Protein backbone atom coordinates (compact mmCIF):
# COMPACT_ATOMS: atom_id res chain seq x y z
CA MET A 1 12.75 37.26 44.53
CA ASN A 2 11.88 37.51 40.82
CA GLN A 3 9.91 34.45 39.66
CA GLY A 4 9.56 35.46 36.01
CA ILE A 5 11.02 33.39 33.22
CA THR A 6 14.45 34.14 31.86
CA GLU A 7 15.27 35.33 28.36
CA GLN A 8 16.83 31.93 27.63
CA GLN A 9 13.62 30.15 28.61
CA VAL A 10 11.58 32.47 26.39
CA ARG A 11 13.95 31.80 23.49
CA ALA A 12 13.69 28.02 24.03
CA ILE A 13 9.89 28.17 24.08
CA PHE A 14 9.84 30.37 20.98
CA ARG A 15 12.24 28.03 19.15
CA ASP A 16 10.10 24.99 20.00
CA GLU A 17 6.92 26.70 18.82
CA LEU A 18 8.57 27.70 15.52
CA LYS A 19 9.66 24.10 14.98
CA LYS A 20 6.10 22.91 15.52
CA LEU A 21 4.65 25.63 13.31
CA PHE A 22 6.95 24.97 10.35
CA GLY A 23 7.16 21.21 10.76
CA PHE A 24 10.81 21.01 11.69
CA ASN A 25 11.63 17.89 13.58
CA SER A 26 14.48 17.74 16.03
CA ASN A 27 14.37 13.92 16.09
CA PRO A 28 17.33 12.81 13.95
CA ASP A 29 15.92 9.27 13.69
CA ILE A 30 13.11 10.42 11.42
CA GLU A 31 14.24 10.50 7.82
CA TYR A 32 12.07 12.13 5.16
CA LEU A 33 13.00 11.55 1.53
CA PRO A 34 11.46 12.87 -1.69
CA ILE A 35 9.78 10.32 -3.93
CA ASN A 36 12.75 10.09 -6.33
CA GLN A 37 14.94 8.79 -3.47
CA ALA A 38 12.31 7.06 -1.33
CA TYR A 39 11.27 4.46 -3.89
CA LEU A 40 14.81 3.05 -3.98
CA LYS A 41 15.10 2.96 -0.19
CA LEU A 42 11.69 1.27 0.16
CA GLY A 43 12.39 -1.32 -2.54
CA TYR A 44 9.96 -0.11 -5.19
CA LYS A 45 10.76 -0.47 -8.89
CA ASN A 46 10.09 3.19 -9.68
CA ALA A 47 8.40 6.35 -8.37
CA ARG A 48 5.17 5.49 -10.23
CA ALA A 49 4.83 2.29 -8.18
CA LEU A 50 5.29 4.31 -4.99
CA ARG A 51 2.61 6.79 -6.12
CA TYR A 52 0.28 3.83 -6.69
CA ALA A 53 0.90 2.75 -3.08
CA ILE A 54 -0.46 6.15 -2.00
CA ASP A 55 -3.42 6.04 -4.42
CA SER A 56 -4.36 2.54 -3.25
CA GLY A 57 -4.17 3.47 0.44
CA VAL A 58 -1.17 1.32 1.35
CA LEU A 59 0.72 4.49 2.33
CA ARG A 60 -1.28 7.42 3.66
CA VAL A 61 -0.78 11.14 3.20
CA GLY A 62 -0.66 12.71 6.65
CA LYS A 63 0.64 9.52 8.28
CA GLU A 64 3.62 8.02 6.40
CA VAL A 65 3.70 10.61 3.63
CA GLN A 66 3.82 14.40 3.62
CA ASP A 67 2.49 16.43 0.70
CA ARG A 68 4.65 19.54 0.64
CA ARG A 69 3.18 21.20 -2.44
CA SER A 70 2.71 24.94 -2.44
CA SER A 71 -0.80 26.30 -2.08
CA ASP A 72 -1.07 27.22 -5.77
CA SER A 73 0.20 23.87 -7.08
CA THR A 74 -2.00 21.03 -8.29
CA ARG A 75 0.85 18.52 -8.49
CA PRO A 76 1.76 16.77 -5.22
CA ASP A 77 5.28 17.01 -3.80
CA TYR A 78 5.53 13.85 -1.71
CA TYR A 79 8.07 13.24 1.06
CA PHE A 80 8.18 9.89 2.82
CA ASN A 81 8.91 9.10 6.46
CA ILE A 82 11.05 6.05 5.73
CA GLN A 83 10.67 4.32 9.10
CA ALA A 84 6.91 4.86 9.20
CA CYS A 85 6.62 3.51 5.65
CA ILE A 86 8.64 0.42 6.56
CA ASN A 87 6.44 -0.18 9.62
CA ARG A 88 3.29 0.19 7.52
CA LEU A 89 4.61 -2.09 4.75
CA ASN A 90 5.60 -4.73 7.31
CA THR A 91 2.05 -4.81 8.68
CA PRO A 92 -0.08 -7.54 7.06
CA PRO A 93 -2.72 -6.07 4.70
CA GLU A 94 -5.61 -7.47 6.74
CA LYS A 95 -4.36 -5.66 9.86
CA ARG A 96 -3.83 -2.25 8.22
CA SER A 97 -6.42 0.29 9.19
CA SER A 98 -7.08 3.35 7.07
């Protein structure tokens, strides 16, 4: 009896590893939006106010925010996990940890 893994199992493993490597998320509940759409959805007046939330530490790069800039760029390209941002903004300031 052959106890090796099938081609379909190898393909599934490979597909999952590629998703992890390139940051693809198969969870449809997670919604990432660029800053020019996220500020409206999060109730900010403009994108500058949302950038200030990052600079002040209210929203954190690597937690609620992704910086998707290319390696040769100095200007950030922010994408926001909307649900994570809402959870963070709904947490009282004194209970937010860095």
